[in-house]
């Protein structure tokens, strides 16, 4: 398949075709991939949101988001967990921004 572009002299063939890199994001628990972080976050809340045990350290309790928030500064896995479970309007936006940056870098998947 060839790509043609219009120049002032006529059509010019470009070979090889230009391909954009596809970046997807992988769920840390089930390895499904998604086109953006928001889709991954929605999937995580729907499919894994009722967790009572931390998948990274084994901590068990009712509110996993609070545990992940407490551990953000100590561990990148917990920062990812906090980002995926956090509400759209958190109280501490700086912590969420840091967690989102870590999640973007660590969950990026290029097939």
N, C-alpha and C. Protein backbone atom coordinates (compact mmCIF):
# COMPACT_ATOMS: atom_id res chain seq x y z
N UNK A 1 0.84 -1.17 0.00
CA UNK A 1 0.00 0.00 0.00
C UNK A 1 0.89 1.24 0.00
N UNK A 2 0.58 2.15 -0.87
CA UNK A 2 1.37 3.35 -0.99
C UNK A 2 0.55 4.57 -0.61
N UNK A 3 1.25 5.57 -0.16
CA UNK A 3 0.61 6.81 0.23
C UNK A 3 0.97 7.87 -0.81
N UNK A 4 -0.02 8.60 -1.27
CA UNK A 4 0.20 9.65 -2.24
C UNK A 4 -0.13 10.99 -1.61
N UNK A 5 0.69 11.98 -1.90
CA UNK A 5 0.40 13.34 -1.43
C UNK A 5 0.35 14.27 -2.63
N UNK A 6 -0.40 15.33 -2.50
CA UNK A 6 -0.54 16.30 -3.58
C UNK A 6 0.47 17.43 -3.38
N UNK A 7 1.29 17.62 -4.38
CA UNK A 7 2.20 18.76 -4.41
C UNK A 7 1.78 19.65 -5.57
N UNK A 8 2.39 20.81 -5.69
CA UNK A 8 1.97 21.74 -6.73
C UNK A 8 2.20 21.18 -8.14
N UNK A 9 3.07 20.17 -8.27
CA UNK A 9 3.34 19.56 -9.58
C UNK A 9 2.44 18.36 -9.85
N UNK A 10 1.73 17.87 -8.83
CA UNK A 10 0.88 16.70 -9.01
C UNK A 10 1.05 15.76 -7.83
N UNK A 11 0.59 14.54 -8.01
CA UNK A 11 0.69 13.56 -6.94
C UNK A 11 2.08 12.96 -6.88
N UNK A 12 2.59 12.78 -5.67
CA UNK A 12 3.91 12.19 -5.46
C UNK A 12 3.73 10.98 -4.55
N UNK A 13 4.36 9.87 -4.92
CA UNK A 13 4.25 8.65 -4.12
C UNK A 13 5.27 8.68 -3.00
N UNK A 14 4.83 8.32 -1.81
CA UNK A 14 5.72 8.23 -0.66
C UNK A 14 5.87 6.76 -0.32
N UNK A 15 7.08 6.28 -0.28
CA UNK A 15 7.33 4.87 0.03
C UNK A 15 8.46 4.80 1.05
N UNK A 16 8.42 4.11 2.11
CA UNK A 16 7.31 3.30 2.60
C UNK A 16 6.27 4.16 3.28
N UNK A 17 5.08 3.63 3.50
CA UNK A 17 4.04 4.41 4.17
C UNK A 17 4.47 4.80 5.59
N UNK A 18 4.03 5.93 6.03
CA UNK A 18 4.36 6.41 7.37
C UNK A 18 3.43 5.72 8.36
N UNK A 19 4.00 5.09 9.38
CA UNK A 19 3.21 4.41 10.40
C UNK A 19 3.46 5.07 11.75
N UNK A 20 2.39 5.37 12.44
CA UNK A 20 2.50 5.95 13.78
C UNK A 20 2.67 4.82 14.79
N UNK A 21 3.47 5.07 15.81
CA UNK A 21 3.63 4.08 16.86
C UNK A 21 2.38 4.02 17.70
N UNK A 22 1.93 2.82 17.95
CA UNK A 22 0.74 2.62 18.76
C UNK A 22 1.17 2.41 20.20
N UNK A 23 0.72 3.28 21.08
CA UNK A 23 1.03 3.16 22.51
C UNK A 23 -0.24 2.74 23.22
N UNK A 24 -0.15 1.67 23.99
CA UNK A 24 -1.28 1.19 24.77
C UNK A 24 -0.84 1.06 26.22
N UNK A 25 -1.79 0.83 27.09
CA UNK A 25 -1.50 0.71 28.52
C UNK A 25 -2.03 -0.62 29.02
N UNK A 26 -1.19 -1.34 29.77
CA UNK A 26 -1.51 -2.69 30.21
C UNK A 26 -1.94 -2.70 31.67
N UNK A 27 -3.04 -3.42 31.94
CA UNK A 27 -3.52 -3.59 33.31
C UNK A 27 -2.50 -4.40 34.10
N UNK A 28 -2.11 -3.95 35.30
CA UNK A 28 -1.10 -4.68 36.06
C UNK A 28 -1.60 -6.00 36.65
N UNK A 29 -2.91 -6.21 36.68
CA UNK A 29 -3.44 -7.44 37.27
C UNK A 29 -3.84 -8.49 36.24
N UNK A 30 -4.49 -8.08 35.14
CA UNK A 30 -4.98 -9.08 34.18
C UNK A 30 -4.32 -8.98 32.81
N UNK A 31 -3.44 -8.02 32.59
CA UNK A 31 -2.67 -7.84 31.36
C UNK A 31 -3.49 -7.46 30.13
N UNK A 32 -4.73 -7.02 30.29
CA UNK A 32 -5.47 -6.48 29.16
C UNK A 32 -4.87 -5.14 28.79
N UNK A 33 -4.95 -4.76 27.52
CA UNK A 33 -4.39 -3.48 27.10
C UNK A 33 -5.50 -2.52 26.68
N UNK A 34 -5.22 -1.22 26.84
CA UNK A 34 -6.20 -0.19 26.56
C UNK A 34 -5.53 0.97 25.83
N UNK A 35 -6.31 1.74 25.03
CA UNK A 35 -5.71 2.80 24.22
C UNK A 35 -5.25 4.03 25.01
N UNK A 36 -5.77 4.21 26.23
CA UNK A 36 -5.35 5.36 27.04
C UNK A 36 -5.49 5.04 28.52
N UNK A 37 -4.92 5.89 29.34
CA UNK A 37 -4.94 5.66 30.79
C UNK A 37 -6.35 5.74 31.36
N UNK A 38 -7.19 6.60 30.80
CA UNK A 38 -8.54 6.73 31.32
C UNK A 38 -9.32 5.43 31.14
N UNK A 39 -9.17 4.80 29.98
CA UNK A 39 -9.86 3.51 29.75
C UNK A 39 -9.34 2.45 30.70
N UNK A 40 -8.04 2.44 30.93
CA UNK A 40 -7.45 1.49 31.87
C UNK A 40 -7.99 1.73 33.29
N UNK A 41 -8.08 3.00 33.67
CA UNK A 41 -8.57 3.35 35.00
C UNK A 41 -10.03 2.91 35.17
N UNK A 42 -10.85 3.11 34.14
CA UNK A 42 -12.25 2.68 34.18
C UNK A 42 -12.34 1.16 34.29
N UNK A 43 -11.54 0.45 33.50
CA UNK A 43 -11.51 -1.01 33.57
C UNK A 43 -11.10 -1.47 34.96
N UNK A 44 -10.07 -0.85 35.51
CA UNK A 44 -9.56 -1.27 36.81
C UNK A 44 -10.62 -1.11 37.90
N UNK A 45 -11.33 0.01 37.86
CA UNK A 45 -12.39 0.23 38.86
C UNK A 45 -13.53 -0.76 38.69
N UNK A 46 -13.90 -1.06 37.45
CA UNK A 46 -15.02 -1.98 37.21
C UNK A 46 -14.64 -3.44 37.47
N UNK A 47 -13.47 -3.85 37.02
CA UNK A 47 -13.09 -5.26 37.11
C UNK A 47 -12.37 -5.62 38.41
N UNK A 48 -11.58 -4.69 38.95
CA UNK A 48 -10.76 -4.99 40.12
C UNK A 48 -11.02 -4.04 41.29
N UNK A 49 -12.04 -3.22 41.21
CA UNK A 49 -12.29 -2.19 42.22
C UNK A 49 -12.74 -2.70 43.58
N UNK A 50 -13.18 -3.94 43.65
CA UNK A 50 -13.67 -4.46 44.93
C UNK A 50 -12.61 -5.28 45.66
N UNK A 51 -11.36 -5.02 45.39
CA UNK A 51 -10.27 -5.74 46.07
C UNK A 51 -10.23 -5.37 47.55
N UNK A 52 -9.98 -6.35 48.39
CA UNK A 52 -9.78 -6.07 49.81
C UNK A 52 -8.35 -6.38 50.23
N UNK A 53 -7.61 -7.04 49.35
CA UNK A 53 -6.21 -7.37 49.63
C UNK A 53 -5.34 -6.68 48.58
N UNK A 54 -4.27 -6.04 49.04
CA UNK A 54 -3.35 -5.36 48.13
C UNK A 54 -2.63 -6.40 47.27
N UNK A 55 -2.68 -6.26 45.94
CA UNK A 55 -2.03 -7.23 45.06
C UNK A 55 -0.50 -7.15 45.10
N UNK A 56 0.05 -6.10 45.67
CA UNK A 56 1.50 -5.92 45.68
C UNK A 56 2.17 -6.32 46.99
N UNK A 57 1.50 -6.04 48.12
CA UNK A 57 2.16 -6.35 49.41
C UNK A 57 1.36 -7.28 50.30
N UNK A 58 0.10 -7.56 49.94
CA UNK A 58 -0.71 -8.48 50.73
C UNK A 58 -1.48 -7.83 51.87
N UNK A 59 -1.37 -6.52 52.04
CA UNK A 59 -2.11 -5.83 53.10
C UNK A 59 -3.60 -6.08 52.88
N UNK A 60 -4.33 -6.29 53.96
CA UNK A 60 -5.75 -6.55 53.84
C UNK A 60 -6.54 -5.57 54.69
N UNK A 61 -7.56 -4.99 54.09
CA UNK A 61 -8.40 -4.03 54.80
C UNK A 61 -9.57 -3.60 53.94
N UNK A 62 -10.40 -2.71 54.48
CA UNK A 62 -11.60 -2.29 53.76
C UNK A 62 -11.31 -1.26 52.68
N UNK A 63 -10.43 -0.30 52.96
CA UNK A 63 -10.20 0.81 52.04
C UNK A 63 -8.80 0.71 51.44
N UNK A 64 -8.72 0.11 50.27
CA UNK A 64 -7.43 -0.09 49.62
C UNK A 64 -6.84 1.22 49.11
N UNK A 65 -7.70 2.18 48.76
CA UNK A 65 -7.22 3.47 48.27
C UNK A 65 -6.41 4.20 49.35
N UNK A 66 -6.85 4.14 50.58
CA UNK A 66 -6.13 4.80 51.68
C UNK A 66 -4.76 4.15 51.90
N UNK A 67 -4.72 2.84 51.81
CA UNK A 67 -3.45 2.13 51.94
C UNK A 67 -2.50 2.53 50.81
N UNK A 68 -3.01 2.57 49.58
CA UNK A 68 -2.18 2.93 48.44
C UNK A 68 -1.69 4.37 48.56
N UNK A 69 -2.55 5.30 49.04
CA UNK A 69 -2.16 6.69 49.24
C UNK A 69 -1.02 6.79 50.25
N UNK A 70 -1.13 6.04 51.33
CA UNK A 70 -0.10 6.05 52.36
C UNK A 70 1.24 5.53 51.82
N UNK A 71 1.18 4.60 50.87
CA UNK A 71 2.40 3.96 50.36
C UNK A 71 2.96 4.61 49.08
N UNK A 72 2.31 5.64 48.56
CA UNK A 72 2.75 6.28 47.31
C UNK A 72 4.21 6.70 47.35
N UNK A 73 4.62 7.32 48.43
CA UNK A 73 5.99 7.83 48.55
C UNK A 73 7.02 6.71 48.70
N UNK A 74 6.59 5.54 49.09
CA UNK A 74 7.52 4.44 49.38
C UNK A 74 7.70 3.45 48.24
N UNK A 75 6.69 3.34 47.36
CA UNK A 75 6.72 2.27 46.38
C UNK A 75 5.98 2.69 45.11
N UNK A 76 6.58 2.46 43.94
CA UNK A 76 5.95 2.84 42.68
C UNK A 76 4.73 1.98 42.36
N UNK A 77 4.73 0.71 42.75
CA UNK A 77 3.57 -0.14 42.49
C UNK A 77 2.34 0.39 43.21
N UNK A 78 2.52 0.86 44.43
CA UNK A 78 1.40 1.42 45.18
C UNK A 78 0.97 2.77 44.60
N UNK A 79 1.89 3.51 44.00
CA UNK A 79 1.53 4.76 43.33
C UNK A 79 0.62 4.47 42.14
N UNK A 80 0.93 3.42 41.40
CA UNK A 80 0.08 3.01 40.27
C UNK A 80 -1.29 2.59 40.79
N UNK A 81 -1.31 1.80 41.85
CA UNK A 81 -2.57 1.35 42.43
C UNK A 81 -3.40 2.55 42.90
N UNK A 82 -2.76 3.53 43.53
CA UNK A 82 -3.48 4.73 43.98
C UNK A 82 -4.07 5.47 42.80
N UNK A 83 -3.30 5.63 41.72
CA UNK A 83 -3.82 6.35 40.55
C UNK A 83 -5.02 5.62 39.96
N UNK A 84 -4.93 4.30 39.84
CA UNK A 84 -6.01 3.53 39.22
C UNK A 84 -7.28 3.50 40.07
N UNK A 85 -7.16 3.63 41.39
CA UNK A 85 -8.33 3.58 42.28
C UNK A 85 -8.83 4.95 42.71
N UNK A 86 -8.08 6.00 42.45
CA UNK A 86 -8.43 7.33 42.97
C UNK A 86 -9.66 7.90 42.27
N UNK A 87 -10.31 8.83 42.97
CA UNK A 87 -11.47 9.51 42.41
C UNK A 87 -11.00 10.61 41.46
N UNK A 88 -11.90 11.10 40.59
CA UNK A 88 -11.50 12.17 39.66
C UNK A 88 -11.12 13.48 40.36
N UNK A 89 -11.64 13.73 41.55
CA UNK A 89 -11.32 14.95 42.29
C UNK A 89 -10.70 14.61 43.64
N UNK A 90 -9.43 14.21 43.67
CA UNK A 90 -8.80 13.85 44.94
C UNK A 90 -8.49 15.08 45.77
N UNK A 91 -8.24 14.85 47.04
CA UNK A 91 -7.89 15.96 47.93
C UNK A 91 -6.47 16.44 47.68
N UNK A 92 -5.55 15.53 47.44
CA UNK A 92 -4.15 15.88 47.24
C UNK A 92 -3.78 15.72 45.76
N UNK A 93 -3.86 16.80 45.00
CA UNK A 93 -3.63 16.74 43.56
C UNK A 93 -2.17 16.51 43.20
N UNK A 94 -1.25 16.93 44.04
CA UNK A 94 0.17 16.73 43.77
C UNK A 94 0.53 15.24 43.82
N UNK A 95 -0.02 14.53 44.79
CA UNK A 95 0.24 13.10 44.90
C UNK A 95 -0.35 12.38 43.69
N UNK A 96 -1.55 12.79 43.27
CA UNK A 96 -2.18 12.17 42.11
C UNK A 96 -1.37 12.45 40.84
N UNK A 97 -0.84 13.65 40.71
CA UNK A 97 -0.03 13.99 39.54
C UNK A 97 1.23 13.12 39.48
N UNK A 98 1.86 12.94 40.63
CA UNK A 98 3.05 12.09 40.70
C UNK A 98 2.70 10.63 40.37
N UNK A 99 1.58 10.16 40.92
CA UNK A 99 1.14 8.79 40.66
C UNK A 99 0.80 8.59 39.19
N UNK A 100 0.18 9.58 38.56
CA UNK A 100 -0.17 9.47 37.15
C UNK A 100 1.07 9.40 36.28
N UNK A 101 2.08 10.18 36.62
CA UNK A 101 3.33 10.16 35.87
C UNK A 101 3.99 8.79 35.96
N UNK A 102 4.01 8.22 37.15
CA UNK A 102 4.59 6.88 37.34
C UNK A 102 3.78 5.85 36.57
N UNK A 103 2.44 5.95 36.65
CA UNK A 103 1.57 5.00 35.95
C UNK A 103 1.78 5.09 34.45
N UNK A 104 1.91 6.30 33.92
CA UNK A 104 2.11 6.47 32.48
C UNK A 104 3.39 5.78 32.03
N UNK A 105 4.46 5.96 32.80
CA UNK A 105 5.75 5.37 32.41
C UNK A 105 5.77 3.86 32.58
N UNK A 106 5.22 3.36 33.66
CA UNK A 106 5.33 1.93 33.99
C UNK A 106 4.30 1.05 33.27
N UNK A 107 3.13 1.60 32.93
CA UNK A 107 2.08 0.79 32.32
C UNK A 107 2.06 0.89 30.80
N UNK A 108 2.96 1.71 30.23
CA UNK A 108 3.03 1.87 28.79
C UNK A 108 3.44 0.55 28.14
N UNK A 109 2.73 0.18 27.09
CA UNK A 109 2.97 -1.08 26.41
C UNK A 109 3.00 -0.81 24.91
N UNK A 110 4.11 -1.12 24.27
CA UNK A 110 4.21 -0.92 22.83
C UNK A 110 4.33 -2.29 22.15
N UNK A 111 3.25 -2.69 21.44
CA UNK A 111 3.28 -4.02 20.80
C UNK A 111 4.28 -4.11 19.66
